[in-house]
Amino acid sequence: MRNPEITKKTILKEAGILFNTQGYKATSISEIATATGFTKGAIYRHFNNKDELELETLTYLTTIMLVNVRDKLKQQHTAGDKLRAVFRYFESYVTQPDTKGGCPLLNAAVEADDAHPALRKGALKILNLLRESVMTILDNGIKHKQLKPGIDKEMFATVAIASLEGAIMMSKLHGNNDDIRRVIKHLEKLLNEIEN
């Protein structure tokens, strides 16, 4: 990696920790400069403004998450096992998140509202990618006769992702994995019903 690439990656990593733990709007460029040891000018040489830094950081954080999910999926051979791996991956986010502060999608989605449309759009793009990935697993499972035909793929993907993300939030608030384990138990029951 060249020096500018290393600098940009350092900025994204440190900004990611701050954004994911303190919030996007609550974190200042000065705090990022302090965390990285770079000047504000050095940060602005890589990012035109704070909004651009926020979006690229969200992409950086979720890329870490998606690469790790993909690695888990590669170890599985059936659609059912792939979905169970996704469930377990989300469970691990409660106690062992890939990034400090927990799930970057959940954190950005909670913070993104009408006052921050760019962050909302970025979080929505990642949510849609995750949803499409679950639907692709379902499609492949039907194609290979591992799952029953006629599954409402959009419904299953929506319920699974909403349940998992909500359970992460509840588990974090409660300080234990009880809620996410209950949700996974329910999702596995739904999955068992659609498996051949």
N, C-alpha and C. Protein backbone atom coordinates (compact mmCIF):
# COMPACT_ATOMS: atom_id res chain seq x y z
N MET A 1 0.84 -1.18 0.00
CA MET A 1 0.00 0.00 0.00
C MET A 1 0.89 1.25 0.00
N ARG A 2 0.53 2.20 -0.81
CA ARG A 2 1.25 3.47 -0.83
C ARG A 2 0.86 4.30 0.39
N ASN A 3 1.68 5.29 0.69
CA ASN A 3 1.46 6.13 1.85
C ASN A 3 0.08 6.80 1.85
N PRO A 4 -0.41 7.39 0.73
CA PRO A 4 -1.76 7.98 0.75
C PRO A 4 -2.85 6.94 1.06
N GLU A 5 -2.67 5.72 0.55
CA GLU A 5 -3.65 4.66 0.83
C GLU A 5 -3.63 4.27 2.31
N ILE A 6 -2.44 4.22 2.88
CA ILE A 6 -2.31 3.91 4.31
C ILE A 6 -2.95 5.02 5.14
N THR A 7 -2.69 6.26 4.75
CA THR A 7 -3.28 7.40 5.46
C THR A 7 -4.80 7.34 5.41
N LYS A 8 -5.35 7.10 4.22
CA LYS A 8 -6.81 7.05 4.08
C LYS A 8 -7.39 5.91 4.89
N LYS A 9 -6.75 4.74 4.86
CA LYS A 9 -7.24 3.60 5.63
C LYS A 9 -7.19 3.89 7.13
N THR A 10 -6.14 4.55 7.59
CA THR A 10 -6.04 4.93 9.00
C THR A 10 -7.16 5.87 9.39
N ILE A 11 -7.44 6.84 8.52
CA ILE A 11 -8.53 7.78 8.79
C ILE A 11 -9.86 7.03 8.87
N LEU A 12 -10.11 6.13 7.93
CA LEU A 12 -11.37 5.38 7.92
C LEU A 12 -11.49 4.50 9.17
N LYS A 13 -10.40 3.86 9.55
CA LYS A 13 -10.43 2.98 10.72
C LYS A 13 -10.73 3.77 12.00
N GLU A 14 -10.01 4.86 12.20
CA GLU A 14 -10.21 5.66 13.42
C GLU A 14 -11.56 6.37 13.41
N ALA A 15 -11.95 6.90 12.26
CA ALA A 15 -13.27 7.54 12.15
C ALA A 15 -14.37 6.51 12.40
N GLY A 16 -14.15 5.29 11.91
CA GLY A 16 -15.12 4.22 12.12
C GLY A 16 -15.35 3.93 13.59
N ILE A 17 -14.27 3.86 14.35
CA ILE A 17 -14.41 3.62 15.80
C ILE A 17 -15.20 4.76 16.44
N LEU A 18 -14.84 5.99 16.10
CA LEU A 18 -15.52 7.14 16.70
C LEU A 18 -16.98 7.24 16.26
N PHE A 19 -17.23 7.14 14.96
CA PHE A 19 -18.61 7.22 14.47
C PHE A 19 -19.47 6.11 15.06
N ASN A 20 -18.90 4.92 15.14
CA ASN A 20 -19.67 3.75 15.58
C ASN A 20 -19.91 3.74 17.08
N THR A 21 -19.10 4.46 17.84
CA THR A 21 -19.28 4.49 19.30
C THR A 21 -19.92 5.79 19.78
N GLN A 22 -19.60 6.92 19.14
CA GLN A 22 -20.12 8.21 19.59
C GLN A 22 -21.27 8.73 18.74
N GLY A 23 -21.36 8.22 17.52
CA GLY A 23 -22.36 8.72 16.58
C GLY A 23 -21.70 9.56 15.51
N TYR A 24 -22.34 9.62 14.36
CA TYR A 24 -21.78 10.35 13.22
C TYR A 24 -21.80 11.85 13.47
N LYS A 25 -22.92 12.36 13.88
CA LYS A 25 -23.04 13.81 14.07
C LYS A 25 -22.29 14.28 15.32
N ALA A 26 -22.20 13.45 16.33
CA ALA A 26 -21.54 13.84 17.57
C ALA A 26 -20.02 13.86 17.46
N THR A 27 -19.48 13.22 16.44
CA THR A 27 -18.03 13.14 16.26
C THR A 27 -17.55 14.27 15.36
N SER A 28 -16.57 14.99 15.85
CA SER A 28 -16.03 16.12 15.08
C SER A 28 -14.78 15.70 14.30
N ILE A 29 -14.47 16.47 13.28
CA ILE A 29 -13.25 16.25 12.52
C ILE A 29 -12.04 16.43 13.43
N SER A 30 -12.12 17.34 14.39
CA SER A 30 -11.02 17.54 15.35
C SER A 30 -10.75 16.26 16.14
N GLU A 31 -11.81 15.56 16.54
CA GLU A 31 -11.63 14.31 17.29
C GLU A 31 -10.97 13.25 16.40
N ILE A 32 -11.37 13.22 15.14
CA ILE A 32 -10.77 12.26 14.20
C ILE A 32 -9.31 12.61 13.97
N ALA A 33 -9.01 13.90 13.87
CA ALA A 33 -7.62 14.34 13.70
C ALA A 33 -6.78 13.91 14.91
N THR A 34 -7.33 14.08 16.10
CA THR A 34 -6.61 13.68 17.31
C THR A 34 -6.38 12.17 17.33
N ALA A 35 -7.42 11.40 16.99
CA ALA A 35 -7.32 9.93 17.00
C ALA A 35 -6.32 9.40 15.98
N THR A 36 -6.25 10.07 14.83
CA THR A 36 -5.35 9.60 13.77
C THR A 36 -3.95 10.16 13.88
N GLY A 37 -3.83 11.31 14.55
CA GLY A 37 -2.55 12.01 14.59
C GLY A 37 -2.31 12.85 13.34
N PHE A 38 -3.32 12.95 12.48
CA PHE A 38 -3.22 13.76 11.26
C PHE A 38 -3.88 15.11 11.49
N THR A 39 -3.50 16.07 10.68
CA THR A 39 -4.15 17.38 10.74
C THR A 39 -5.51 17.30 10.03
N LYS A 40 -6.34 18.30 10.31
CA LYS A 40 -7.61 18.39 9.58
C LYS A 40 -7.35 18.50 8.08
N GLY A 41 -6.32 19.25 7.72
CA GLY A 41 -5.97 19.41 6.31
C GLY A 41 -5.65 18.08 5.65
N ALA A 42 -4.94 17.22 6.37
CA ALA A 42 -4.62 15.89 5.83
C ALA A 42 -5.90 15.07 5.62
N ILE A 43 -6.82 15.20 6.55
CA ILE A 43 -8.10 14.48 6.41
C ILE A 43 -8.86 15.01 5.20
N TYR A 44 -8.91 16.34 5.06
CA TYR A 44 -9.65 16.93 3.94
C TYR A 44 -8.96 16.75 2.58
N ARG A 45 -7.70 16.33 2.58
CA ARG A 45 -7.06 15.97 1.31
C ARG A 45 -7.63 14.65 0.78
N HIS A 46 -8.15 13.83 1.68
CA HIS A 46 -8.69 12.52 1.29
C HIS A 46 -10.22 12.54 1.17
N PHE A 47 -10.87 13.48 1.83
CA PHE A 47 -12.33 13.55 1.83
C PHE A 47 -12.75 15.01 1.66
N ASN A 48 -13.67 15.26 0.75
CA ASN A 48 -14.08 16.63 0.45
C ASN A 48 -14.78 17.31 1.62
N ASN A 49 -15.51 16.53 2.41
CA ASN A 49 -16.25 17.09 3.54
C ASN A 49 -16.59 15.97 4.51
N LYS A 50 -17.19 16.32 5.61
CA LYS A 50 -17.50 15.33 6.64
C LYS A 50 -18.53 14.32 6.14
N ASP A 51 -19.50 14.76 5.35
CA ASP A 51 -20.50 13.83 4.81
C ASP A 51 -19.84 12.73 3.98
N GLU A 52 -18.88 13.11 3.15
CA GLU A 52 -18.17 12.12 2.34
C GLU A 52 -17.39 11.15 3.24
N LEU A 53 -16.75 11.68 4.26
CA LEU A 53 -16.02 10.83 5.22
C LEU A 53 -16.98 9.87 5.92
N GLU A 54 -18.15 10.36 6.31
CA GLU A 54 -19.13 9.50 6.98
C GLU A 54 -19.56 8.35 6.08
N LEU A 55 -19.88 8.67 4.83
CA LEU A 55 -20.34 7.63 3.90
C LEU A 55 -19.24 6.61 3.59
N GLU A 56 -18.03 7.10 3.36
CA GLU A 56 -16.93 6.17 3.08
C GLU A 56 -16.60 5.33 4.30
N THR A 57 -16.75 5.90 5.49
CA THR A 57 -16.51 5.14 6.71
C THR A 57 -17.58 4.08 6.89
N LEU A 58 -18.83 4.43 6.64
CA LEU A 58 -19.90 3.43 6.73
C LEU A 58 -19.62 2.29 5.76
N THR A 59 -19.22 2.62 4.54
CA THR A 59 -18.88 1.58 3.56
C THR A 59 -17.71 0.74 4.05
N TYR A 60 -16.70 1.37 4.60
CA TYR A 60 -15.52 0.66 5.14
C TYR A 60 -15.95 -0.31 6.24
N LEU A 61 -16.74 0.17 7.20
CA LEU A 61 -17.17 -0.68 8.32
C LEU A 61 -18.04 -1.84 7.85
N THR A 62 -18.97 -1.57 6.97
CA THR A 62 -19.86 -2.64 6.53
C THR A 62 -19.15 -3.61 5.58
N THR A 63 -18.12 -3.13 4.90
CA THR A 63 -17.33 -4.05 4.07
C THR A 63 -16.64 -5.09 4.95
N ILE A 64 -16.12 -4.65 6.08
CA ILE A 64 -15.53 -5.60 7.04
C ILE A 64 -16.57 -6.64 7.43
N MET A 65 -17.77 -6.17 7.76
CA MET A 65 -18.85 -7.06 8.16
C MET A 65 -19.20 -8.03 7.03
N LEU A 66 -19.38 -7.52 5.82
CA LEU A 66 -19.81 -8.36 4.70
C LEU A 66 -18.73 -9.36 4.29
N VAL A 67 -17.47 -8.98 4.35
CA VAL A 67 -16.38 -9.92 4.05
C VAL A 67 -16.39 -11.06 5.06
N ASN A 68 -16.59 -10.73 6.33
CA ASN A 68 -16.62 -11.77 7.36
C ASN A 68 -17.83 -12.69 7.21
N VAL A 69 -18.98 -12.11 6.84
CA VAL A 69 -20.16 -12.95 6.58
C VAL A 69 -19.87 -13.88 5.40
N ARG A 70 -19.32 -13.33 4.34
CA ARG A 70 -18.98 -14.14 3.16
C ARG A 70 -18.05 -15.29 3.52
N ASP A 71 -17.07 -15.03 4.37
CA ASP A 71 -16.16 -16.09 4.80
C ASP A 71 -16.91 -17.20 5.54
N LYS A 72 -17.87 -16.82 6.36
CA LYS A 72 -18.68 -17.82 7.08
C LYS A 72 -19.53 -18.62 6.09
N LEU A 73 -20.07 -17.93 5.09
CA LEU A 73 -20.93 -18.61 4.11
C LEU A 73 -20.15 -19.61 3.26
N LYS A 74 -18.91 -19.29 2.94
CA LYS A 74 -18.09 -20.19 2.12
C LYS A 74 -17.87 -21.54 2.80
N GLN A 75 -17.97 -21.57 4.11
CA GLN A 75 -17.75 -22.81 4.85
C GLN A 75 -18.98 -23.71 4.85
N GLN A 76 -20.11 -23.19 4.36
CA GLN A 76 -21.37 -23.93 4.38
C GLN A 76 -21.71 -24.43 2.98
N HIS A 77 -22.50 -25.52 2.93
CA HIS A 77 -22.80 -26.13 1.63
C HIS A 77 -24.27 -26.07 1.24
N THR A 78 -25.16 -25.90 2.19
CA THR A 78 -26.58 -25.83 1.85
C THR A 78 -27.14 -24.45 2.20
N ALA A 79 -28.26 -24.13 1.59
CA ALA A 79 -28.90 -22.84 1.86
C ALA A 79 -29.27 -22.72 3.34
N GLY A 80 -29.79 -23.78 3.90
CA GLY A 80 -30.16 -23.76 5.32
C GLY A 80 -28.96 -23.49 6.21
N ASP A 81 -27.85 -24.16 5.93
CA ASP A 81 -26.65 -23.95 6.73
C ASP A 81 -26.08 -22.55 6.52
N LYS A 82 -26.21 -22.03 5.31
CA LYS A 82 -25.75 -20.66 5.06
C LYS A 82 -26.57 -19.65 5.88
N LEU A 83 -27.88 -19.85 5.90
CA LEU A 83 -28.73 -18.95 6.68
C LEU A 83 -28.46 -19.08 8.17
N ARG A 84 -28.24 -20.29 8.64
CA ARG A 84 -27.88 -20.47 10.05
C ARG A 84 -26.56 -19.77 10.38
N ALA A 85 -25.62 -19.81 9.44
CA ALA A 85 -24.35 -19.11 9.63
C ALA A 85 -24.57 -17.60 9.73
N VAL A 86 -25.49 -17.07 8.92
CA VAL A 86 -25.83 -15.64 9.01
C VAL A 86 -26.41 -15.34 10.39
N PHE A 87 -27.32 -16.19 10.86
CA PHE A 87 -27.93 -15.98 12.18
C PHE A 87 -26.85 -15.95 13.26
N ARG A 88 -25.95 -16.92 13.22
CA ARG A 88 -24.89 -17.02 14.24
C ARG A 88 -23.93 -15.84 14.16
N TYR A 89 -23.68 -15.40 12.94
CA TYR A 89 -22.81 -14.24 12.77
C TYR A 89 -23.42 -13.02 13.48
N PHE A 90 -24.70 -12.80 13.28
CA PHE A 90 -25.36 -11.67 13.95
C PHE A 90 -25.35 -11.85 15.46
N GLU A 91 -25.49 -13.08 15.93
CA GLU A 91 -25.43 -13.33 17.37
C GLU A 91 -24.07 -12.90 17.92
N SER A 92 -23.01 -13.17 17.18
CA SER A 92 -21.67 -12.82 17.65
C SER A 92 -21.48 -11.31 17.76
N TYR A 93 -22.28 -10.55 17.04
CA TYR A 93 -22.14 -9.10 17.08
C TYR A 93 -22.48 -8.51 18.44
N VAL A 94 -23.23 -9.23 19.24
CA VAL A 94 -23.59 -8.72 20.56
C VAL A 94 -22.37 -8.70 21.48
N THR A 95 -21.60 -9.77 21.47
CA THR A 95 -20.46 -9.86 22.40
C THR A 95 -19.10 -9.70 21.73
N GLN A 96 -19.02 -10.00 20.43
CA GLN A 96 -17.74 -9.92 19.72
C GLN A 96 -17.91 -9.24 18.36
N PRO A 97 -18.26 -7.95 18.36
CA PRO A 97 -18.47 -7.29 17.07
C PRO A 97 -17.17 -7.16 16.28
N ASP A 98 -17.30 -7.17 14.97
CA ASP A 98 -16.13 -6.98 14.10
C ASP A 98 -15.53 -5.60 14.27
N THR A 99 -16.37 -4.66 14.61
CA THR A 99 -15.92 -3.28 14.77
C THR A 99 -16.38 -2.77 16.12
N LYS A 100 -15.54 -1.98 16.75
CA LYS A 100 -15.88 -1.42 18.05
C LYS A 100 -17.18 -0.61 17.93
N GLY A 101 -18.09 -0.83 18.85
CA GLY A 101 -19.35 -0.10 18.84
C GLY A 101 -20.51 -0.90 18.32
N GLY A 102 -20.25 -2.10 17.78
CA GLY A 102 -21.33 -2.96 17.33
C GLY A 102 -21.61 -2.85 15.85
N CYS A 103 -22.83 -3.20 15.49
CA CYS A 103 -23.22 -3.30 14.09
C CYS A 103 -23.27 -1.91 13.44
N PRO A 104 -22.42 -1.67 12.44
CA PRO A 104 -22.40 -0.35 11.81
C PRO A 104 -23.68 -0.02 11.06
N LEU A 105 -24.33 -1.02 10.50
CA LEU A 105 -25.59 -0.77 9.80
C LEU A 105 -26.65 -0.31 10.79
N LEU A 106 -26.78 -1.02 11.89
CA LEU A 106 -27.76 -0.66 12.91
C LEU A 106 -27.48 0.74 13.45
N ASN A 107 -26.23 1.02 13.78
CA ASN A 107 -25.88 2.32 14.34
C ASN A 107 -26.17 3.46 13.35
N ALA A 108 -25.80 3.26 12.09
CA ALA A 108 -26.04 4.31 11.09
C ALA A 108 -27.54 4.46 10.83
N ALA A 109 -28.25 3.35 10.76
CA ALA A 109 -29.69 3.41 10.48
C ALA A 109 -30.44 4.14 11.58
N VAL A 110 -30.05 3.90 12.83
CA VAL A 110 -30.71 4.57 13.95
C VAL A 110 -30.45 6.07 13.91
N GLU A 111 -29.23 6.44 13.54
CA GLU A 111 -28.88 7.86 13.51
C GLU A 111 -29.39 8.58 12.26
N ALA A 112 -29.50 7.85 11.17
CA ALA A 112 -29.89 8.47 9.90
C ALA A 112 -31.39 8.74 9.90
N ASP A 113 -31.74 9.98 9.75
CA ASP A 113 -33.15 10.37 9.69
C ASP A 113 -33.30 11.46 8.65
N ASP A 114 -34.36 12.19 8.73
CA ASP A 114 -34.60 13.25 7.75
C ASP A 114 -33.51 14.32 7.77
N ALA A 115 -32.83 14.47 8.89
CA ALA A 115 -31.79 15.49 9.00
C ALA A 115 -30.47 15.05 8.37
N HIS A 116 -30.36 13.77 8.03
CA HIS A 116 -29.10 13.27 7.46
C HIS A 116 -29.40 12.32 6.30
N PRO A 117 -29.95 12.85 5.20
CA PRO A 117 -30.38 12.00 4.09
C PRO A 117 -29.25 11.22 3.43
N ALA A 118 -28.03 11.75 3.39
CA ALA A 118 -26.92 11.03 2.74
C ALA A 118 -26.57 9.77 3.53
N LEU A 119 -26.52 9.87 4.85
CA LEU A 119 -26.22 8.70 5.68
C LEU A 119 -27.37 7.69 5.59
N ARG A 120 -28.59 8.20 5.56
CA ARG A 120 -29.75 7.32 5.41
C ARG A 120 -29.66 6.54 4.10
N LYS A 121 -29.32 7.24 3.03
CA LYS A 121 -29.21 6.60 1.71
C LYS A 121 -28.10 5.54 1.72
N GLY A 122 -26.98 5.85 2.37
CA GLY A 122 -25.89 4.88 2.47
C GLY A 122 -26.28 3.65 3.27
N ALA A 123 -26.96 3.87 4.39
CA ALA A 123 -27.40 2.74 5.22
C ALA A 123 -28.44 1.90 4.47
N LEU A 124 -29.34 2.57 3.75
CA LEU A 124 -30.36 1.85 2.98
C LEU A 124 -29.72 0.99 1.90
N LYS A 125 -28.70 1.51 1.25
CA LYS A 125 -27.99 0.75 0.21
C LYS A 125 -27.40 -0.54 0.81
N ILE A 126 -26.83 -0.44 1.98
CA ILE A 126 -26.24 -1.61 2.64
C ILE A 126 -27.33 -2.58 3.10
N LEU A 127 -28.40 -2.05 3.64
CA LEU A 127 -29.53 -2.90 4.04
C LEU A 127 -30.07 -3.67 2.84
N ASN A 128 -30.24 -2.98 1.72
CA ASN A 128 -30.74 -3.64 0.51
C ASN A 128 -29.77 -4.71 0.02
N LEU A 129 -28.48 -4.45 0.12
CA LEU A 129 -27.48 -5.45 -0.26
C LEU A 129 -27.58 -6.69 0.62
N LEU A 130 -27.74 -6.48 1.91
CA LEU A 130 -27.89 -7.60 2.85
C LEU A 130 -29.16 -8.39 2.54
N ARG A 131 -30.23 -7.67 2.29
CA ARG A 131 -31.52 -8.30 1.97
C ARG A 131 -31.42 -9.11 0.67
N GLU A 132 -30.79 -8.53 -0.34
CA GLU A 132 -30.60 -9.24 -1.62
C GLU A 132 -29.75 -10.50 -1.42
N SER A 133 -28.76 -10.41 -0.55
CA SER A 133 -27.90 -11.57 -0.28
C SER A 133 -28.70 -12.71 0.34
N VAL A 134 -29.57 -12.39 1.29
CA VAL A 134 -30.42 -13.42 1.90
C VAL A 134 -31.35 -14.01 0.84
N MET A 135 -31.91 -13.16 -0.01
CA MET A 135 -32.82 -13.67 -1.05
C MET A 135 -32.07 -14.53 -2.07
N THR A 136 -30.82 -14.21 -2.33
CA THR A 136 -30.02 -15.04 -3.24
C THR A 136 -29.78 -16.42 -2.63
N ILE A 137 -29.50 -16.46 -1.35
CA ILE A 137 -29.35 -17.76 -0.67
C ILE A 137 -30.64 -18.56 -0.80
N LEU A 138 -31.77 -17.90 -0.59
CA LEU A 138 -33.07 -18.57 -0.72
C LEU A 138 -33.29 -19.06 -2.15
N ASP A 139 -33.00 -18.21 -3.13
CA ASP A 139 -33.14 -18.60 -4.55
C ASP A 139 -32.30 -19.84 -4.86
N ASN A 140 -31.05 -19.83 -4.42
CA ASN A 140 -30.17 -20.96 -4.68
C ASN A 140 -30.66 -22.22 -3.96
N GLY A 141 -31.19 -22.04 -2.77
CA GLY A 141 -31.73 -23.18 -2.03
C GLY A 141 -32.92 -23.80 -2.73
N ILE A 142 -33.78 -22.98 -3.32
CA ILE A 142 -34.92 -23.49 -4.08
C ILE A 142 -34.42 -24.17 -5.35
N LYS A 143 -33.52 -23.53 -6.04
CA LYS A 143 -32.97 -24.07 -7.29
C LYS A 143 -32.33 -25.45 -7.07
N HIS A 144 -31.65 -25.63 -5.94
CA HIS A 144 -30.96 -26.90 -5.66
C HIS A 144 -31.82 -27.85 -4.82
N LYS A 145 -33.12 -27.51 -4.71
CA LYS A 145 -34.10 -28.34 -4.01
C LYS A 145 -33.76 -28.58 -2.53
N GLN A 146 -33.06 -27.60 -1.94
CA GLN A 146 -32.77 -27.65 -0.51
C GLN A 146 -33.88 -26.97 0.28
N LEU A 147 -34.59 -26.05 -0.39
CA LEU A 147 -35.70 -25.33 0.22
C LEU A 147 -36.94 -25.54 -0.62
N LYS A 148 -38.07 -25.45 0.03
CA LYS A 148 -39.35 -25.66 -0.65
C LYS A 148 -39.63 -24.51 -1.62
N PRO A 149 -40.19 -24.84 -2.78
CA PRO A 149 -40.58 -23.77 -3.71
C PRO A 149 -41.76 -22.98 -3.13
N GLY A 150 -41.96 -21.80 -3.62
CA GLY A 150 -43.10 -21.00 -3.17
C GLY A 150 -42.83 -20.19 -1.92
N ILE A 151 -41.60 -20.14 -1.48
CA ILE A 151 -41.25 -19.34 -0.31
C ILE A 151 -41.42 -17.86 -0.67
N ASP A 152 -41.97 -17.09 0.24
CA ASP A 152 -42.02 -15.65 0.06
C ASP A 152 -40.64 -15.12 0.48
N LYS A 153 -39.75 -15.03 -0.49
CA LYS A 153 -38.35 -14.68 -0.21
C LYS A 153 -38.22 -13.28 0.40
N GLU A 154 -38.98 -12.34 -0.12
CA GLU A 154 -38.90 -10.97 0.41
C GLU A 154 -39.36 -10.93 1.86
N MET A 155 -40.43 -11.67 2.16
CA MET A 155 -40.94 -11.72 3.53
C MET A 155 -39.91 -12.36 4.46
N PHE A 156 -39.35 -13.49 4.05
CA PHE A 156 -38.38 -14.18 4.89
C PHE A 156 -37.17 -13.27 5.14
N ALA A 157 -36.63 -12.67 4.09
CA ALA A 157 -35.45 -11.81 4.23
C ALA A 157 -35.74 -10.61 5.13
N THR A 158 -36.89 -9.99 4.94
CA THR A 158 -37.26 -8.83 5.75
C THR A 158 -37.42 -9.21 7.22
N VAL A 159 -38.13 -10.29 7.48
CA VAL A 159 -38.35 -10.73 8.87
C VAL A 159 -37.02 -11.12 9.51
N ALA A 160 -36.18 -11.83 8.77
CA ALA A 160 -34.90 -12.27 9.33
C ALA A 160 -34.02 -11.08 9.69
N ILE A 161 -33.84 -10.15 8.76
CA ILE A 161 -32.95 -9.02 9.01
C ILE A 161 -33.51 -8.10 10.09
N ALA A 162 -34.79 -7.78 10.01
CA ALA A 162 -35.40 -6.92 11.03
C ALA A 162 -35.33 -7.56 12.41
N SER A 163 -35.56 -8.86 12.47
CA SER A 163 -35.50 -9.57 13.75
C SER A 163 -34.09 -9.58 14.31
N LEU A 164 -33.11 -9.87 13.46
CA LEU A 164 -31.72 -9.93 13.92
C LEU A 164 -31.22 -8.56 14.36
N GLU A 165 -31.47 -7.54 13.56
CA GLU A 165 -31.01 -6.19 13.92
C GLU A 165 -31.71 -5.71 15.20
N GLY A 166 -33.01 -5.95 15.30
CA GLY A 166 -33.73 -5.57 16.51
C GLY A 166 -33.25 -6.31 17.73
N ALA A 167 -32.93 -7.58 17.55
CA ALA A 167 -32.44 -8.38 18.66
C ALA A 167 -31.05 -7.95 19.11
N ILE A 168 -30.23 -7.49 18.16
CA ILE A 168 -28.92 -6.95 18.54
C ILE A 168 -29.12 -5.74 19.45
N MET A 169 -30.03 -4.85 19.06
CA MET A 169 -30.30 -3.66 19.86
C MET A 169 -30.80 -4.05 21.25
N MET A 170 -31.75 -4.98 21.31
CA MET A 170 -32.30 -5.38 22.60
C MET A 170 -31.25 -6.08 23.47
N SER A 171 -30.45 -6.93 22.86
CA SER A 171 -29.41 -7.63 23.61
C SER A 171 -28.37 -6.65 24.15
N LYS A 172 -28.01 -5.65 23.33
CA LYS A 172 -27.05 -4.65 23.81
C LYS A 172 -27.62 -3.88 25.00
N LEU A 173 -28.90 -3.53 24.91
CA LEU A 173 -29.52 -2.81 26.02
C LEU A 173 -29.60 -3.66 27.28
N HIS A 174 -29.92 -4.94 27.11
CA HIS A 174 -30.02 -5.84 28.25
C HIS A 174 -28.66 -6.32 28.75
N GLY A 175 -27.64 -6.20 27.92
CA GLY A 175 -26.29 -6.61 28.32
C GLY A 175 -26.07 -8.11 28.30
N ASN A 176 -26.88 -8.82 27.48
CA ASN A 176 -26.68 -10.27 27.35
C ASN A 176 -27.21 -10.73 25.99
N ASN A 177 -27.04 -12.01 25.71
CA ASN A 177 -27.45 -12.56 24.41
C ASN A 177 -28.84 -13.18 24.42
N ASP A 178 -29.58 -13.04 25.48
CA ASP A 178 -30.88 -13.72 25.60
C ASP A 178 -31.82 -13.38 24.44
N ASP A 179 -31.96 -12.10 24.12
CA ASP A 179 -32.90 -11.69 23.08
C ASP A 179 -32.50 -12.22 21.71
N ILE A 180 -31.23 -12.10 21.37
CA ILE A 180 -30.81 -12.58 20.06
C ILE A 180 -30.93 -14.10 19.98
N ARG A 181 -30.69 -14.79 21.07
CA ARG A 181 -30.85 -16.25 21.05
C ARG A 181 -32.32 -16.64 20.85
N ARG A 182 -33.23 -15.89 21.45
CA ARG A 182 -34.66 -16.16 21.25
C ARG A 182 -35.04 -15.94 19.78
N VAL A 183 -34.54 -14.85 19.22
CA VAL A 183 -34.85 -14.55 17.82
C VAL A 183 -34.27 -15.62 16.91
N ILE A 184 -33.05 -16.04 17.15
CA ILE A 184 -32.44 -17.08 16.31
C ILE A 184 -33.20 -18.38 16.44
N LYS A 185 -33.64 -18.71 17.63
CA LYS A 185 -34.44 -19.93 17.82
C LYS A 185 -35.71 -19.85 16.97
N HIS A 186 -36.34 -18.69 16.95
CA HIS A 186 -37.56 -18.50 16.14
C HIS A 186 -37.23 -18.57 14.64
N LEU A 187 -36.14 -17.91 14.22
CA LEU A 187 -35.77 -17.94 12.80
C LEU A 187 -35.39 -19.35 12.36
N GLU A 188 -34.74 -20.10 13.23
CA GLU A 188 -34.39 -21.48 12.87
C GLU A 188 -35.65 -22.34 12.74
N LYS A 189 -36.65 -22.05 13.55
CA LYS A 189 -37.93 -22.77 13.42
C LYS A 189 -38.56 -22.45 12.06
N LEU A 190 -38.55 -21.18 11.68
CA LEU A 190 -39.07 -20.79 10.36
C LEU A 190 -38.27 -21.46 9.24
N LEU A 191 -36.98 -21.50 9.40
CA LEU A 191 -36.11 -22.12 8.40
C LEU A 191 -36.39 -23.62 8.29
N ASN A 192 -36.55 -24.28 9.42
CA ASN A 192 -36.85 -25.72 9.40
C ASN A 192 -38.13 -26.01 8.63
N GLU A 193 -39.09 -25.10 8.71
CA GLU A 193 -40.37 -25.28 8.02
C GLU A 193 -40.25 -25.17 6.50
N ILE A 194 -39.23 -24.47 6.02
CA ILE A 194 -39.10 -24.30 4.57
C ILE A 194 -38.02 -25.19 3.95
N GLU A 195 -37.31 -25.93 4.79
CA GLU A 195 -36.28 -26.84 4.26
C GLU A 195 -36.92 -28.12 3.75
N ASN A 196 -36.32 -28.67 2.69
CA ASN A 196 -36.76 -29.98 2.17
C ASN A 196 -36.11 -31.09 2.96
